[in-house]
Protein backbone atom coordinates (compact mmCIF):
# COMPACT_ATOMS: atom_id res chain seq x y z
CA MET A 1 -3.86 3.85 18.52
CA LEU A 2 -5.49 4.30 15.21
CA THR A 3 -4.28 1.86 12.64
CA HIS A 4 -4.85 1.52 8.88
CA GLY A 5 -5.76 -2.26 9.11
CA ASP A 6 -4.25 -3.24 5.71
CA PHE A 7 -0.98 -1.39 5.64
CA CYS A 8 0.68 -2.69 2.52
CA LEU A 9 2.36 -1.18 -0.49
CA PRO A 10 -0.62 -1.26 -2.94
CA ASN A 11 -2.68 0.77 -0.43
CA LEU A 12 -0.12 3.63 -0.06
CA LEU A 13 0.03 6.66 -2.39
CA THR A 14 3.31 8.62 -2.80
CA ASP A 15 4.73 11.40 -4.85
CA GLY A 16 7.87 9.35 -5.37
CA LYS A 17 9.60 10.78 -2.20
CA ARG A 18 7.00 10.82 0.51
CA LEU A 19 3.74 9.32 1.59
CA THR A 20 0.81 11.44 0.38
CA GLY A 21 -2.25 9.22 1.10
CA MET A 22 -3.72 5.92 1.83
CA ILE A 23 -6.61 3.89 0.24
CA ASP A 24 -8.59 0.88 1.41
CA VAL A 25 -9.31 2.08 4.91
CA GLY A 26 -12.10 -0.39 5.55
CA ASP A 27 -10.21 -2.07 8.37
CA CYS A 28 -9.14 1.23 9.98
CA GLY A 29 -9.64 1.27 13.68
CA ILE A 30 -8.12 1.06 17.19
CA ALA A 31 -5.55 -1.68 17.42
CA ASP A 32 -2.00 -2.48 18.30
CA ARG A 33 0.27 -0.57 15.86
CA TYR A 34 2.23 -3.77 15.48
CA LYS A 35 -0.63 -5.05 13.22
CA ASP A 36 0.21 -2.38 10.61
CA LEU A 37 3.93 -2.88 11.09
CA ALA A 38 3.53 -6.61 10.49
CA LEU A 39 1.51 -6.24 7.36
CA GLY A 40 3.79 -3.49 6.11
CA TRP A 41 6.82 -5.61 6.75
CA ARG A 42 5.28 -8.59 4.85
CA SER A 43 4.31 -6.40 1.93
CA LEU A 44 7.90 -4.89 1.72
CA LYS A 45 9.32 -8.46 1.91
CA HIS A 46 6.99 -10.00 -0.71
CA ASN A 47 7.13 -7.01 -3.06
CA THR A 48 10.97 -6.86 -3.12
CA ASP A 49 12.16 -10.49 -2.71
CA GLY A 50 10.86 -11.90 -5.93
CA HIS A 51 7.74 -13.29 -4.49
CA TYR A 52 5.69 -11.26 -7.03
CA GLY A 53 8.22 -11.32 -9.71
CA LEU A 54 10.66 -8.43 -9.10
CA PHE A 55 13.70 -8.60 -6.96
CA TYR A 56 15.18 -5.57 -5.16
CA PRO A 57 18.35 -6.64 -3.33
CA ASP A 58 18.87 -3.20 -1.65
CA VAL A 59 15.54 -3.29 0.18
CA ASP A 60 15.53 -4.62 3.72
CA PRO A 61 12.00 -4.97 5.15
CA ASP A 62 13.45 -4.71 8.66
CA ASP A 63 14.19 -1.08 7.90
CA LEU A 64 10.50 -0.41 8.56
CA PHE A 65 11.04 -1.24 12.27
CA ARG A 66 14.26 0.83 12.38
CA ALA A 67 12.49 3.82 10.66
CA VAL A 68 9.78 3.91 13.36
CA GLY A 69 12.13 3.19 16.21
CA ILE A 70 10.58 -0.15 17.25
CA LEU A 71 12.52 -3.41 17.85
CA LYS A 72 11.35 -6.23 15.61
CA ASP A 73 9.57 -8.71 17.78
CA GLU A 74 9.48 -12.10 15.84
CA GLU A 75 6.66 -13.46 18.12
CA LYS A 76 4.36 -10.43 17.54
CA LEU A 77 5.20 -10.44 13.90
CA ARG A 78 4.21 -14.06 13.58
CA TYR A 79 0.99 -13.51 15.56
CA TYR A 80 -0.21 -10.65 13.44
CA LEU A 81 0.68 -12.32 10.11
CA LEU A 82 -1.17 -15.45 11.13
CA LEU A 83 -4.10 -13.43 12.42
CA ASP A 84 -4.30 -11.64 9.10
CA GLU A 85 -4.62 -15.05 7.41
CA LEU A 86 -7.89 -15.65 9.15
CA PHE A 87 -9.61 -12.65 7.60
């Protein structure tokens, strides 16, 4: 499956309602889609839980998994988040 490679909020473009584009596709390639899901989950978490200053209590990063119809796998999530730290 084709993945973005750095699927996080700063790399997504929207019109306020829907995704309209992506930037920073240097790590785009064939990979497990869980890599993008893990990085997207972390980005949602850190951009809404006060990690970067702002707190959005109504945002649940786990909604990402529900939206794409995939069960959250804590082991795979941890694996891909740790793997990303190596790069």
